[in-house]
Protein backbone atom coordinates (compact mmCIF):
# COMPACT_ATOMS: atom_id res chain seq x y z
CA MET A 1 11.00 -2.44 -2.19
CA GLU A 2 7.92 -0.37 -1.57
CA GLY A 3 6.64 2.94 -2.79
CA ARG A 4 3.82 4.55 -4.66
CA ASP A 5 5.45 4.25 -8.10
CA ILE A 6 7.87 1.36 -7.62
CA GLY A 7 6.05 -1.08 -9.91
CA THR A 8 5.22 1.41 -12.64
CA ASN A 9 8.26 3.70 -12.81
CA VAL A 10 11.20 2.57 -10.68
CA PHE A 11 11.16 -1.17 -11.40
CA PRO A 12 8.68 -1.69 -14.23
CA ASP A 13 10.31 -5.02 -15.15
CA ALA A 14 10.25 -6.54 -11.65
CA GLU A 15 9.47 -10.25 -11.60
CA LEU A 16 6.84 -9.84 -8.89
CA LYS A 17 4.77 -6.77 -8.14
CA VAL A 18 2.20 -6.38 -5.38
CA TYR A 19 -0.17 -3.43 -5.28
CA LEU A 20 -0.96 -3.22 -1.59
CA ASP A 21 -4.12 -1.27 -0.86
CA ALA A 22 -6.38 -0.49 2.08
CA SER A 23 -9.30 1.83 2.62
CA PRO A 24 -8.45 5.35 3.74
CA GLU A 25 -10.26 4.62 7.00
CA ALA A 26 -8.15 1.54 7.72
CA ARG A 27 -4.96 3.43 6.89
CA ALA A 28 -5.97 6.34 9.14
CA THR A 29 -6.72 3.93 11.99
CA ARG A 30 -3.33 2.27 11.56
CA ARG A 31 -1.45 5.57 11.35
CA SER A 32 -3.16 7.06 14.39
CA GLY A 33 -2.35 3.87 16.31
CA GLN A 34 1.31 4.13 15.30
CA LEU A 35 1.50 7.74 16.43
CA LYS A 36 -0.24 7.02 19.73
CA ALA A 37 2.14 4.11 20.37
CA GLN A 38 5.00 6.59 19.97
CA GLY A 39 3.40 8.88 22.52
CA LEU A 40 2.46 11.43 19.89
CA GLY A 41 -0.85 13.14 19.39
CA ALA A 42 -2.98 11.65 16.67
CA ASP A 43 -6.25 13.10 15.44
CA TYR A 44 -8.00 10.42 13.38
CA ASP A 45 -10.08 12.90 11.35
CA GLU A 46 -7.03 14.98 10.41
CA ILE A 47 -5.09 11.88 9.41
CA LEU A 48 -8.02 10.58 7.35
CA ASP A 49 -8.40 13.94 5.61
CA PHE A 50 -4.66 14.01 4.80
CA ILE A 51 -4.76 10.47 3.37
CA ILE A 52 -7.78 11.20 1.18
CA LYS A 53 -6.20 14.40 -0.15
CA ARG A 54 -2.84 12.75 -0.79
CA ASP A 55 -4.47 9.86 -2.65
CA ALA A 56 -6.37 12.32 -4.85
CA GLN A 57 -3.20 14.30 -5.56
CA ASP A 58 -1.14 11.20 -6.30
CA SER A 59 -3.80 9.65 -8.54
CA GLY A 60 -4.56 12.87 -10.39
CA ARG A 61 -1.10 14.19 -11.14
CA LYS A 62 0.01 14.35 -14.78
CA ASN A 63 3.47 12.85 -14.31
CA ASN A 64 3.65 9.35 -12.87
CA PRO A 65 0.17 9.17 -11.34
CA LEU A 66 -0.51 6.58 -8.66
CA LYS A 67 -1.84 3.48 -10.37
CA LYS A 68 -1.56 -0.27 -10.20
CA ALA A 69 0.87 -1.77 -12.69
CA GLU A 70 -0.99 -3.98 -15.15
CA ASP A 71 0.99 -7.04 -14.07
CA ALA A 72 0.82 -6.38 -10.32
CA HIS A 73 -1.07 -8.60 -7.90
CA TYR A 74 -3.75 -6.59 -6.08
CA LEU A 75 -3.90 -7.12 -2.32
CA ASP A 76 -6.55 -5.30 -0.29
CA SER A 77 -5.32 -5.28 3.30
CA THR A 78 -8.26 -3.30 4.73
CA ALA A 79 -9.48 -6.15 6.93
CA MET A 80 -6.19 -8.02 7.24
CA PRO A 81 -3.86 -7.99 10.23
CA ARG A 82 -0.19 -7.41 9.41
CA GLU A 83 0.67 -11.11 9.76
CA LYS A 84 -1.93 -12.11 7.13
CA VAL A 85 -0.60 -9.48 4.72
CA VAL A 86 2.91 -10.89 5.12
CA ASP A 87 1.58 -14.44 4.67
CA ALA A 88 -0.21 -13.44 1.45
CA ILE A 89 2.89 -11.81 -0.01
CA VAL A 90 5.12 -14.73 0.98
CA ALA A 91 2.62 -17.07 -0.71
CA LEU A 92 2.91 -15.02 -3.91
CA VAL A 93 6.70 -15.24 -3.76
CA ARG A 94 6.63 -18.99 -3.17
CA SER A 95 4.12 -19.52 -5.96
CA ARG A 96 6.36 -17.60 -8.32
CA GLU A 97 9.42 -19.60 -7.21
CA SER A 98 7.66 -22.93 -7.75
CA LYS A 99 6.84 -21.94 -11.34
CA ALA A 100 10.45 -21.02 -12.12
């Protein structure tokens, strides 16, 4: 399950939580690449501006602000290809299973 408030509000008692992060620039690059692959127009600067504004809104709102759950594992995917992100999350799951 993924979402901006999954670990703090929707499933606060989940056995494993991962706070997946990336720089706004990396996220804008990824999003513009997705849109271009779909044959859609993608302006990097507009996408970056949108991401920065949305992060500020989500982090600054009074009700359920965007934040890492205290017991979540932090994973910065800025410089990681998708496969490495998946590998890191699978390793967390396996580590948790081996301790059970």
